[in-house]
Amino acid sequence: MAWLADLPRLAGRPLGGLVGGAGPFAFARVPRGTLVLPTREDADRWFRALRYFGASAHLYPADDGRPWDGVSPAAEIVRSRIVARAATSGLLVLPAKALLLRVPAVPAERTLRAGDEHDRRALTTWLTAHGYLASQHVEEPACWGARGGILDLWPIGATAPVRLEWFDDEIASIRTFDPRTQKGGTRLAEIRVLAAREATLDPAAAERAAAYLHTLGAERPLPPSERKRILQDLRNGVWFPGAEDYLPALGEVAPLRLPAPVWVVEPDAVRAELLRYDEQIRGRFEALAEEDRPLVRPFDRYLPAAEAPLEGTTPVSALVRDGAEDFGTRSTTGLKVGTGDLGPVVRQLVSWAREGRPVTLVAETTARAERLRALLEPHGLHPGTGKAARGEVAVDIGDLPEIGRAHV
């Protein structure tokens, strides 16, 4: 039987017997790689659990709408994808359908250093073209504001905004600041500024879109009024609802590159989700009247399910398949009490602690933690606080979603 601590050296070997939360607990020890989950909800639960167990993890979410609805995904979803893709360490966590989104081949970003020369007008033009909003007060990510020789900017992925001060064309200083009090904070040597949108919206991109639509017009009839409206909006810098459908018209796109090694959790379910999404992409596009279809080729925007980058990946499952490493974790569903007697549960927790196991019960809030203690104490169990050491029972407060129950 494999041990959870062995997982980092088992890359490339099928893994089984990882029931419920034992999966995130084990993968929290992995410094780099990709985890593909069946659904958006699965990816979110694994991401939260990984973070609870101390992992460096980055969520790469799928769009929150249906293909071809003419609605843009929430800005937070797009920014999460950009930040996750830019990470150079940690685990990338994503649902199956996110594999089918084509993304810009070369993500846009800039590095600003104190002492370097930068034209302020050119910089603010770049920020606007890449999704940053001009604002009088910079109070949230993806905003910038300028006054005199000062530029306030909140790069996406950053925990705080920064204030850049210029002397002529030179950046004299870069410092974080509190957006509420405006008080300056830590002085920085440089900052990394990621694009806040997956597409660049500048004159060159608009002309590339015009060339794309001209070529597409030779393949199928395009409504002249719709073609004119789209190009006019793009040339005017208007990011209209559903503009993400035109990513392949605005620049070169490619499949997402997954940091290796890549693990696929419940591969049968992942493949089923890919096929379902592929069918939805095709079916919804074909169901639209010709004049209502976006002016793109469907699989310029999306990858066919058959081309999803899953070759050479490692399967992970709760079941133990032939040839898989068996981690032997077991379900704790039987510990669910409901309105029954808590005594058997307490005895099991105490038994595990006596075996030398660390037994941590996780509550979402302080109030729930106190209620849990109040339920256990009449049975003679007085748990500690925080994460348990070996041979102890403790109650911790944190965000540990239910992924089925398991003990290790």
Protein backbone atom coordinates (compact mmCIF):
# COMPACT_ATOMS: atom_id res chain seq x y z
CA MET A 1 0.00 0.00 0.00
CA ALA A 2 1.31 3.46 -0.96
CA TRP A 3 1.62 6.20 1.65
CA LEU A 4 0.33 9.72 1.03
CA ALA A 5 3.83 11.12 1.52
CA ASP A 6 4.97 8.98 -1.44
CA LEU A 7 2.76 10.76 -3.94
CA PRO A 8 5.29 13.34 -5.27
CA ARG A 9 7.57 10.53 -6.50
CA LEU A 10 4.75 8.52 -8.12
CA ALA A 11 4.26 10.80 -11.14
CA GLY A 12 3.19 8.78 -14.16
CA ARG A 13 1.79 5.84 -12.18
CA PRO A 14 -2.02 5.36 -11.89
CA LEU A 15 -3.28 6.17 -8.41
CA GLY A 16 -6.24 4.61 -6.62
CA GLY A 17 -7.82 4.42 -3.21
CA LEU A 18 -7.87 8.20 -2.72
CA VAL A 19 -11.34 8.62 -1.26
CA GLY A 20 -12.91 12.04 -0.72
CA GLY A 21 -10.70 14.62 0.95
CA ALA A 22 -7.73 12.25 0.98
CA GLY A 23 -7.01 13.35 -2.59
CA PRO A 24 -6.44 17.05 -1.87
CA PHE A 25 -4.64 16.12 1.35
CA ALA A 26 -2.16 14.01 -0.59
CA PHE A 27 -1.68 16.42 -3.49
CA ALA A 28 -1.01 19.30 -1.11
CA ARG A 29 2.52 17.84 -0.91
CA VAL A 30 3.12 18.26 -4.66
CA PRO A 31 5.06 21.44 -5.58
CA ARG A 32 4.10 21.66 -9.27
CA GLY A 33 1.70 20.09 -11.75
CA THR A 34 -1.90 20.07 -13.00
CA LEU A 35 -5.07 18.51 -11.64
CA VAL A 36 -7.99 18.05 -14.06
CA LEU A 37 -11.39 17.49 -12.40
CA PRO A 38 -14.69 16.49 -14.04
CA THR A 39 -16.82 19.56 -13.24
CA ARG A 40 -16.53 23.17 -12.21
CA GLU A 41 -17.89 22.29 -8.75
CA ASP A 42 -15.33 19.48 -8.34
CA ALA A 43 -12.48 21.82 -9.27
CA ASP A 44 -13.68 24.47 -6.83
CA ARG A 45 -13.95 21.98 -3.95
CA TRP A 46 -10.50 20.50 -4.64
CA PHE A 47 -8.98 23.98 -4.91
CA ARG A 48 -10.43 25.07 -1.57
CA ALA A 49 -9.37 21.81 0.10
CA LEU A 50 -5.84 22.09 -1.31
CA ARG A 51 -5.57 25.62 0.07
CA TYR A 52 -6.82 24.43 3.48
CA PHE A 53 -4.10 21.76 3.54
CA GLY A 54 -1.45 24.39 2.81
CA ALA A 55 -0.89 23.82 -0.91
CA SER A 56 0.11 26.48 -3.38
CA ALA A 57 -2.77 26.10 -5.84
CA HIS A 58 -4.26 28.18 -8.64
CA LEU A 59 -7.81 27.75 -9.92
CA TYR A 60 -8.28 27.94 -13.70
CA PRO A 61 -12.07 28.14 -14.04
CA ALA A 62 -14.24 27.47 -17.06
CA ASP A 63 -16.72 30.03 -18.34
CA ASP A 64 -19.87 30.40 -16.25
CA GLY A 65 -22.25 30.51 -19.23
CA ARG A 66 -23.14 28.42 -22.25
CA PRO A 67 -21.31 28.65 -25.57
CA TRP A 68 -22.64 31.22 -28.06
CA ASP A 69 -25.03 32.92 -25.61
CA GLY A 70 -23.55 36.33 -26.44
CA VAL A 71 -22.67 36.89 -22.77
CA SER A 72 -19.19 37.47 -21.39
CA PRO A 73 -17.94 35.40 -18.45
CA ALA A 74 -17.59 37.19 -15.13
CA ALA A 75 -14.47 39.35 -15.04
CA GLU A 76 -13.23 37.46 -11.96
CA ILE A 77 -13.27 34.19 -13.92
CA VAL A 78 -11.17 35.60 -16.75
CA ARG A 79 -8.71 37.22 -14.35
CA SER A 80 -8.39 34.00 -12.35
CA ARG A 81 -7.44 32.18 -15.55
CA ILE A 82 -4.82 34.80 -16.45
CA VAL A 83 -3.27 34.76 -12.97
CA ALA A 84 -3.29 30.95 -12.82
CA ARG A 85 -1.66 30.68 -16.22
CA ALA A 86 1.06 33.14 -15.22
CA ALA A 87 2.01 31.21 -12.06
CA THR A 88 5.44 29.58 -12.15
CA SER A 89 4.92 27.27 -9.17
CA GLY A 90 2.11 25.41 -7.44
CA LEU A 91 -0.74 23.27 -8.74
CA LEU A 92 -3.03 24.32 -11.58
CA VAL A 93 -6.58 23.10 -10.83
CA LEU A 94 -9.19 23.12 -13.59
CA PRO A 95 -12.44 21.48 -14.69
CA ALA A 96 -12.57 19.37 -17.86
CA LYS A 97 -14.40 21.94 -19.98
CA ALA A 98 -11.68 24.55 -19.37
CA LEU A 99 -9.37 22.31 -21.43
CA LEU A 100 -11.41 23.10 -24.53
CA LEU A 101 -10.97 26.88 -24.35
CA ARG A 102 -8.35 28.19 -26.75
CA VAL A 103 -6.28 30.94 -25.17
CA PRO A 104 -3.87 33.61 -26.46
CA ALA A 105 -0.70 31.87 -27.59
CA VAL A 106 1.47 34.49 -25.85
CA PRO A 107 -0.10 36.08 -22.74
CA ALA A 108 0.40 39.84 -22.54
CA GLU A 109 2.25 41.30 -19.57
CA ARG A 110 4.73 44.02 -18.64
CA THR A 111 7.36 44.44 -15.96
CA LEU A 112 7.84 47.95 -14.55
CA ARG A 113 11.06 48.69 -12.66
CA ALA A 114 12.09 51.66 -10.57
CA GLY A 115 14.78 53.58 -12.46
CA ASP A 116 13.55 52.54 -15.93
CA GLU A 117 12.18 55.01 -18.44
CA HIS A 118 8.57 54.59 -19.55
CA ASP A 119 6.30 56.85 -21.54
CA ARG A 120 3.27 57.33 -19.28
CA ARG A 121 0.82 57.85 -22.12
CA ALA A 122 2.00 54.68 -23.86
CA LEU A 123 1.68 52.77 -20.58
CA THR A 124 -1.90 53.91 -19.90
CA THR A 125 -2.80 53.11 -23.52
CA TRP A 126 -1.42 49.58 -22.99
CA LEU A 127 -3.41 49.20 -19.76
CA THR A 128 -6.65 50.24 -21.47
CA ALA A 129 -6.03 47.91 -24.41
CA HIS A 130 -5.58 45.01 -21.98
CA GLY A 131 -8.70 45.47 -19.89
CA TYR A 132 -7.75 47.95 -17.16
CA LEU A 133 -10.28 50.67 -16.37
CA ALA A 134 -9.41 54.32 -15.79
CA SER A 135 -10.71 55.45 -12.40
CA GLN A 136 -10.43 58.53 -10.26
CA HIS A 137 -9.82 56.36 -7.20
CA VAL A 138 -8.10 52.97 -7.53
CA GLU A 139 -10.03 50.78 -5.11
CA GLU A 140 -10.09 47.36 -6.81
CA PRO A 141 -7.97 45.22 -9.14
CA ALA A 142 -7.75 46.03 -12.87
CA CYS A 143 -8.02 49.79 -12.35
CA TRP A 144 -5.61 52.68 -12.87
CA GLY A 145 -5.68 56.41 -12.19
CA ALA A 146 -3.23 59.21 -13.03
CA ARG A 147 -2.64 62.67 -11.66
CA GLY A 148 0.43 64.81 -12.23
CA GLY A 149 3.54 62.66 -12.03
CA ILE A 150 1.75 59.80 -10.22
CA LEU A 151 0.12 56.67 -11.58
CA ASP A 152 -1.93 54.49 -9.25
CA LEU A 153 -2.41 50.94 -10.49
CA TRP A 154 -3.84 47.72 -9.10
CA PRO A 155 -2.43 44.79 -11.14
CA ILE A 156 -4.62 41.69 -11.22
CA GLY A 157 -3.29 39.00 -8.88
CA ALA A 158 -1.71 41.60 -6.58
CA THR A 159 -2.85 41.88 -2.98
CA ALA A 160 -2.63 45.69 -2.96
CA PRO A 161 -2.43 48.59 -5.44
CA VAL A 162 0.85 50.35 -6.19
CA ARG A 163 1.77 53.99 -6.69
CA LEU A 164 4.36 54.84 -9.32
CA GLU A 165 6.02 58.25 -9.17
CA TRP A 166 7.77 59.68 -12.24
CA PHE A 167 10.66 62.10 -12.60
CA ASP A 168 10.44 63.20 -16.23
CA ASP A 169 10.18 59.84 -18.10
CA GLU A 170 11.83 57.79 -15.35
CA ILE A 171 9.95 55.78 -12.74
CA ALA A 172 11.43 57.28 -9.58
CA SER A 173 9.70 54.93 -7.12
CA ILE A 174 7.18 52.13 -6.80
CA ARG A 175 5.34 51.66 -3.52
CA THR A 176 2.25 49.79 -2.35
CA PHE A 177 -0.49 51.83 -0.70
CA ASP A 178 -3.70 51.34 1.27
CA PRO A 179 -6.66 52.15 -1.02
CA ARG A 180 -8.77 53.30 1.94
CA THR A 181 -6.31 55.61 3.71
CA GLN A 182 -3.98 56.28 0.73
CA LYS A 183 -1.09 55.70 3.14
CA GLY A 184 2.08 54.42 1.45
CA GLY A 185 3.43 50.98 2.24
CA THR A 186 6.30 48.80 1.02
CA ARG A 187 8.79 50.14 -1.51
CA LEU A 188 9.23 47.75 -4.46
CA ALA A 189 12.02 47.38 -6.99
CA GLU A 190 9.63 46.17 -9.72
CA ILE A 191 6.08 45.00 -10.40
CA ARG A 192 4.65 42.49 -12.85
CA VAL A 193 1.53 43.71 -14.66
CA LEU A 194 -0.59 40.98 -16.24
CA ALA A 195 -3.24 41.78 -18.83
CA ALA A 196 -6.69 41.96 -17.23
CA ARG A 197 -8.37 40.51 -20.32
CA GLU A 198 -7.53 37.52 -22.50
CA ALA A 199 -7.56 39.61 -25.69
CA THR A 200 -5.72 42.75 -26.71
CA LEU A 201 -8.03 45.47 -28.02
CA ASP A 202 -5.88 47.88 -30.02
CA PRO A 203 -5.82 49.06 -33.67
CA ALA A 204 -3.62 46.14 -34.79
CA ALA A 205 -5.99 43.59 -33.23
CA ALA A 206 -9.01 45.29 -34.81
CA GLU A 207 -7.40 45.11 -38.26
CA ARG A 208 -6.56 41.46 -37.73
CA ALA A 209 -10.23 40.88 -36.91
CA ALA A 210 -11.20 42.64 -40.14
CA ALA A 211 -8.94 40.29 -42.12
CA TYR A 212 -10.36 37.25 -40.29
CA LEU A 213 -13.96 38.27 -41.07
CA HIS A 214 -13.03 38.94 -44.70
CA THR A 215 -11.69 35.37 -44.99
CA LEU A 216 -14.70 33.94 -43.17
CA GLY A 217 -17.00 35.80 -45.54
CA ALA A 218 -15.65 33.68 -48.38
CA GLU A 219 -16.72 30.52 -46.52
CA ARG A 220 -20.22 31.45 -45.39
CA PRO A 221 -22.60 34.40 -45.76
CA LEU A 222 -22.06 37.04 -43.06
CA PRO A 223 -24.77 39.59 -42.21
CA PRO A 224 -23.24 42.91 -43.41
CA SER A 225 -24.78 44.95 -40.57
CA GLU A 226 -23.44 42.58 -37.89
CA ARG A 227 -20.00 42.49 -39.46
CA LYS A 228 -19.95 46.30 -39.59
CA ARG A 229 -21.11 46.62 -35.97
CA ILE A 230 -18.48 44.23 -34.63
CA LEU A 231 -15.62 45.88 -36.48
CA GLN A 232 -16.80 49.35 -35.48
CA ASP A 233 -16.94 48.35 -31.80
CA LEU A 234 -13.51 46.72 -31.92
CA ARG A 235 -11.96 49.73 -33.67
CA ASN A 236 -13.52 52.02 -31.07
CA GLY A 237 -12.13 49.93 -28.22
CA VAL A 238 -15.55 48.66 -27.12
CA TRP A 239 -15.48 45.25 -25.42
CA PHE A 240 -19.09 44.24 -26.05
CA PRO A 241 -20.93 41.33 -24.32
CA GLY A 242 -19.79 38.05 -25.81
CA ALA A 243 -16.67 39.58 -27.37
CA GLU A 244 -14.68 36.61 -26.04
CA ASP A 245 -16.08 34.61 -28.96
CA TYR A 246 -13.85 36.73 -31.20
CA LEU A 247 -10.55 35.86 -29.48
CA PRO A 248 -9.34 33.88 -32.53
CA ALA A 249 -10.10 36.87 -34.75
CA LEU A 250 -8.14 39.29 -32.55
CA GLY A 251 -4.93 37.31 -32.13
CA GLU A 252 -3.24 33.94 -32.28
CA VAL A 253 -4.79 31.36 -29.97
CA ALA A 254 -3.64 27.91 -28.86
CA PRO A 255 -4.59 25.09 -26.47
CA LEU A 256 -3.74 25.72 -22.83
CA ARG A 257 -0.29 24.40 -21.91
CA LEU A 258 -0.60 22.33 -18.74
CA PRO A 259 2.26 22.32 -16.23
CA ALA A 260 3.62 18.78 -15.93
CA PRO A 261 2.97 16.31 -14.46
CA VAL A 262 -0.77 16.16 -15.17
CA TRP A 263 -3.19 14.10 -13.07
CA VAL A 264 -6.76 13.43 -14.22
CA VAL A 265 -9.14 12.81 -11.32
CA GLU A 266 -11.84 10.26 -12.19
CA PRO A 267 -10.83 10.05 -15.88
CA ASP A 268 -14.05 8.40 -17.08
CA ALA A 269 -16.07 11.32 -15.70
CA VAL A 270 -13.62 13.82 -17.21
CA ARG A 271 -13.95 12.24 -20.66
CA ALA A 272 -17.75 12.25 -20.34
CA GLU A 273 -17.72 15.97 -19.49
CA LEU A 274 -15.48 16.73 -22.46
CA LEU A 275 -17.81 14.92 -24.85
CA ARG A 276 -20.86 16.60 -23.34
CA TYR A 277 -19.30 20.05 -23.73
CA ASP A 278 -18.12 19.28 -27.26
CA GLU A 279 -21.68 18.32 -28.17
CA GLN A 280 -23.02 21.50 -26.58
CA ILE A 281 -20.54 23.64 -28.54
CA ARG A 282 -21.54 22.04 -31.85
CA GLY A 283 -25.23 21.70 -31.11
CA ARG A 284 -25.83 25.26 -29.91
CA PHE A 285 -23.93 26.77 -32.84
CA GLU A 286 -25.82 24.70 -35.39
CA ALA A 287 -29.16 25.43 -33.71
CA LEU A 288 -28.73 29.19 -34.17
CA ALA A 289 -30.13 30.85 -37.26
CA GLU A 290 -27.40 31.92 -39.68
CA GLU A 291 -27.88 35.61 -38.83
CA ASP A 292 -27.57 34.87 -35.08
CA ARG A 293 -24.35 32.89 -35.20
CA PRO A 294 -21.13 34.56 -34.00
CA LEU A 295 -18.86 35.44 -36.89
CA VAL A 296 -16.23 32.83 -36.06
CA ARG A 297 -15.52 29.19 -36.82
CA PRO A 298 -16.66 27.20 -33.75
CA PHE A 299 -13.44 25.26 -33.38
CA ASP A 300 -11.26 28.31 -33.82
CA ARG A 301 -12.69 29.33 -30.43
CA TYR A 302 -12.90 25.86 -28.85
CA LEU A 303 -10.82 22.72 -29.04
CA PRO A 304 -12.61 19.52 -30.16
CA ALA A 305 -12.90 17.02 -27.31
CA ALA A 306 -10.77 14.53 -29.25
CA GLU A 307 -7.88 17.00 -29.14
CA ALA A 308 -8.00 17.72 -25.40
CA PRO A 309 -4.41 17.50 -24.08
CA LEU A 310 -4.83 14.33 -22.02
CA GLU A 311 -2.25 12.07 -23.65
CA GLY A 312 0.39 10.92 -21.18
CA THR A 313 -1.58 12.04 -18.13
CA THR A 314 -1.94 10.05 -14.89
CA PRO A 315 -5.36 8.76 -13.74
CA VAL A 316 -6.46 9.27 -10.14
CA SER A 317 -9.51 7.50 -8.72
CA ALA A 318 -11.27 6.53 -5.52
CA LEU A 319 -11.44 2.99 -6.93
CA VAL A 320 -8.32 0.87 -7.27
CA ARG A 321 -7.92 -0.18 -10.88
CA ASP A 322 -5.53 -2.83 -12.18
CA GLY A 323 -1.93 -1.71 -11.83
CA ALA A 324 -2.77 1.37 -9.74
CA GLU A 325 -0.96 2.37 -6.57
CA ASP A 326 -3.42 1.79 -3.73
CA PHE A 327 -3.44 4.46 -1.02
CA GLY A 328 -6.05 2.53 0.92
CA THR A 329 -7.97 5.48 2.37
CA ARG A 330 -11.43 4.62 3.62
CA SER A 331 -14.77 6.38 3.67
CA THR A 332 -15.95 7.92 6.94
CA THR A 333 -19.54 8.29 5.80
CA GLY A 334 -20.57 6.06 8.68
CA LEU A 335 -19.54 8.78 11.13
CA LYS A 336 -22.36 11.04 10.01
CA VAL A 337 -24.62 11.34 13.04
CA GLY A 338 -27.74 13.27 12.02
CA THR A 339 -30.10 12.91 14.98
CA GLY A 340 -28.51 9.72 16.29
CA ASP A 341 -26.24 8.95 19.24
CA LEU A 342 -22.87 10.74 19.17
CA GLY A 343 -21.24 8.12 21.43
CA PRO A 344 -20.02 5.73 18.68
CA VAL A 345 -18.52 8.62 16.74
CA VAL A 346 -16.62 9.87 19.79
CA ARG A 347 -15.30 6.38 20.47
CA GLN A 348 -14.05 6.09 16.90
CA LEU A 349 -12.30 9.49 17.09
CA VAL A 350 -10.64 8.53 20.36
CA SER A 351 -9.62 5.16 18.91
CA TRP A 352 -7.90 6.85 15.96
CA ALA A 353 -6.08 9.22 18.29
CA ARG A 354 -4.88 6.31 20.44
CA GLU A 355 -3.48 4.70 17.29
CA GLY A 356 -1.28 7.78 16.96
CA ARG A 357 -3.27 9.49 14.23
CA PRO A 358 -3.83 13.26 14.17
CA VAL A 359 -7.62 13.74 14.18
CA THR A 360 -8.77 17.20 13.08
CA LEU A 361 -12.44 18.21 12.92
CA VAL A 362 -12.97 21.27 10.71
CA ALA A 363 -15.70 23.84 11.32
CA GLU A 364 -16.50 26.74 9.02
CA THR A 365 -16.94 29.36 11.75
CA THR A 366 -16.06 30.02 15.38
CA ALA A 367 -19.71 29.59 16.34
CA ARG A 368 -19.87 26.14 14.74
CA ALA A 369 -16.59 25.15 16.35
CA GLU A 370 -17.95 26.07 19.78
CA ARG A 371 -21.15 24.13 19.13
CA LEU A 372 -19.09 21.09 18.11
CA ARG A 373 -17.07 21.30 21.32
CA ALA A 374 -20.29 21.56 23.33
CA LEU A 375 -21.56 18.35 21.70
CA LEU A 376 -18.33 16.41 22.32
CA GLU A 377 -17.54 17.43 25.89
CA PRO A 378 -20.46 15.56 27.55
CA HIS A 379 -18.91 12.39 26.08
CA GLY A 380 -15.59 13.10 27.77
CA LEU A 381 -13.84 14.41 24.65
CA HIS A 382 -12.16 17.82 25.05
CA PRO A 383 -10.53 18.59 21.70
CA GLY A 384 -7.64 20.94 21.26
CA THR A 385 -7.56 23.98 19.01
CA GLY A 386 -6.17 24.14 15.47
CA LYS A 387 -4.75 21.25 13.49
CA ALA A 388 -4.17 18.17 15.63
CA ALA A 389 -0.78 16.66 16.37
CA ARG A 390 -0.34 12.88 16.29
CA GLY A 391 -2.42 11.20 18.96
CA GLU A 392 -4.66 14.24 19.44
CA VAL A 393 -8.20 15.30 18.56
CA ALA A 394 -8.61 18.98 17.72
CA VAL A 395 -11.12 21.38 16.21
CA ASP A 396 -9.87 23.73 13.53
CA ILE A 397 -11.67 26.63 11.82
CA GLY A 398 -11.28 26.77 8.06
CA ASP A 399 -12.73 26.27 4.60
CA LEU A 400 -12.61 22.52 3.97
CA PRO A 401 -15.44 21.58 1.60
CA GLU A 402 -16.95 18.12 1.64
CA ILE A 403 -15.55 15.90 -1.12
CA GLY A 404 -16.96 12.75 0.31
CA ARG A 405 -15.40 11.74 3.60
CA ALA A 406 -12.21 9.79 4.12
CA HIS A 407 -9.67 9.01 6.78
CA VAL A 408 -6.07 8.12 6.20
